[in-house]
Amino acid sequence: MPSTKRKRHKTNRRNRRPNKRWIAGVKTVSTFPPPGLFTKDAPTIAKSLASKKVSPKGPQSGTRMLNYFINRAGKKLSRSRLAVLERAKSLLSKRIRQKNSSRPRRIP
């Protein structure tokens, strides 16, 4: 009696196409940036994303939102706009470092 098992088709890892549009499926409700915020200058973006009104969980949440926006825009983002957004990201991270350095350290 012949075997009725099907042969599995082996896929080569190089032949598989990675999903490049992963960011399109992400939904977020953690931050609430005002409309048109990402079209403004870097200090304004950083200040707004660090505020409790926009980022209730703190400036780290604002940094994640900015990163999300940059990834979502992808190749459609102009170099000049990307430079402004990267500057805003560095201003936000500077603010986070200042906030963390002013806190007294807990010794376990």
Protein backbone atom coordinates (compact mmCIF):
# COMPACT_ATOMS: atom_id res chain seq x y z
CA MET A 1 0.00 0.00 0.00
CA PRO A 2 1.57 3.36 -1.05
CA SER A 3 2.08 6.14 1.48
CA THR A 4 -0.56 8.90 1.36
CA LYS A 5 1.55 11.45 3.19
CA ARG A 6 2.00 14.73 1.41
CA LYS A 7 5.43 16.13 1.00
CA ARG A 8 5.88 19.49 2.65
CA HIS A 9 7.14 22.24 0.46
CA LYS A 10 10.30 23.66 1.96
CA THR A 11 10.62 27.40 1.80
CA ASN A 12 13.99 28.93 1.52
CA ARG A 13 14.64 31.75 4.00
CA ARG A 14 16.07 33.92 1.28
CA ASN A 15 12.94 33.49 -0.82
CA ARG A 16 10.59 34.65 1.93
CA ARG A 17 9.72 38.30 1.70
CA PRO A 18 9.72 40.14 5.03
CA ASN A 19 6.70 42.23 5.88
CA LYS A 20 8.02 45.75 5.45
CA ARG A 21 4.77 47.46 6.43
CA TRP A 22 4.52 46.28 10.03
CA ILE A 23 3.98 49.82 11.29
CA ALA A 24 0.74 50.19 9.32
CA GLY A 25 -1.01 47.65 11.55
CA VAL A 26 -0.03 49.29 14.85
CA LYS A 27 -2.76 51.12 16.73
CA THR A 28 -1.91 53.35 19.67
CA VAL A 29 -3.99 55.14 22.27
CA SER A 30 -1.25 55.98 24.75
CA THR A 31 -0.45 59.50 23.52
CA PHE A 32 -2.68 62.20 22.13
CA PRO A 33 -0.67 64.62 19.98
CA PRO A 34 -2.58 67.65 18.69
CA PRO A 35 -3.20 67.72 14.94
CA GLY A 36 -0.31 69.24 12.98
CA LEU A 37 2.19 68.86 15.82
CA PHE A 38 4.79 67.06 13.71
CA THR A 39 4.85 69.89 11.15
CA LYS A 40 6.19 72.38 13.72
CA ASP A 41 9.77 73.12 14.80
CA ALA A 42 11.83 70.75 16.98
CA PRO A 43 11.62 72.60 20.34
CA THR A 44 7.83 72.90 20.03
CA ILE A 45 7.48 69.20 19.21
CA ALA A 46 9.72 68.20 22.13
CA LYS A 47 7.95 70.48 24.60
CA SER A 48 4.52 69.26 23.55
CA LEU A 49 5.42 65.55 23.60
CA ALA A 50 6.97 65.93 27.06
CA SER A 51 3.80 67.45 28.53
CA LYS A 52 1.43 65.36 30.66
CA LYS A 53 -1.50 66.44 28.51
CA VAL A 54 -0.06 64.79 25.39
CA SER A 55 1.93 61.99 27.02
CA PRO A 56 0.28 60.98 30.29
CA LYS A 57 2.99 58.41 31.01
CA GLY A 58 5.81 60.94 30.68
CA PRO A 59 8.38 62.03 28.10
CA GLN A 60 9.46 58.44 27.35
CA SER A 61 6.00 57.86 25.92
CA GLY A 62 6.40 60.99 23.79
CA THR A 63 9.71 59.67 22.46
CA ARG A 64 8.05 56.42 21.47
CA MET A 65 5.30 58.35 19.70
CA LEU A 66 7.84 60.42 17.79
CA ASN A 67 9.71 57.26 16.78
CA TYR A 68 6.41 55.72 15.71
CA PHE A 69 5.66 58.75 13.54
CA ILE A 70 9.12 58.62 11.90
CA ASN A 71 8.78 54.89 11.19
CA ARG A 72 5.25 55.33 9.91
CA ALA A 73 6.28 58.08 7.48
CA GLY A 74 9.13 55.94 6.14
CA LYS A 75 10.63 56.95 2.82
CA LYS A 76 8.01 59.64 2.24
CA LEU A 77 9.63 61.85 4.89
CA SER A 78 11.93 64.50 3.42
CA ARG A 79 15.48 64.80 4.70
CA SER A 80 14.86 68.25 6.15
CA ARG A 81 11.71 67.09 7.98
CA LEU A 82 13.53 63.99 9.26
CA ALA A 83 16.33 66.22 10.57
CA VAL A 84 13.81 68.36 12.47
CA LEU A 85 12.13 65.27 13.96
CA GLU A 86 15.49 63.73 14.94
CA ARG A 87 16.42 67.02 16.63
CA ALA A 88 13.13 66.91 18.55
CA LYS A 89 13.95 63.34 19.57
CA SER A 90 17.36 64.39 20.88
CA LEU A 91 15.78 67.29 22.81
CA LEU A 92 13.28 64.88 24.35
CA SER A 93 15.99 62.43 25.36
CA LYS A 94 17.99 65.30 26.88
CA ARG A 95 14.92 66.26 28.90
CA ILE A 96 14.52 62.64 30.07
CA ARG A 97 18.18 62.48 31.14
CA GLN A 98 17.84 65.75 33.08
CA LYS A 99 14.70 64.49 34.77
CA ASN A 100 16.36 61.21 35.76
CA SER A 101 19.56 62.86 37.00
CA SER A 102 17.65 65.23 39.29
CA ARG A 103 15.96 62.28 41.00
CA PRO A 104 17.68 60.89 44.09
CA ARG A 105 18.96 57.38 43.49
CA ARG A 106 17.52 54.53 45.49
CA ILE A 107 20.13 52.23 46.99
CA PRO A 108 18.87 48.64 47.20
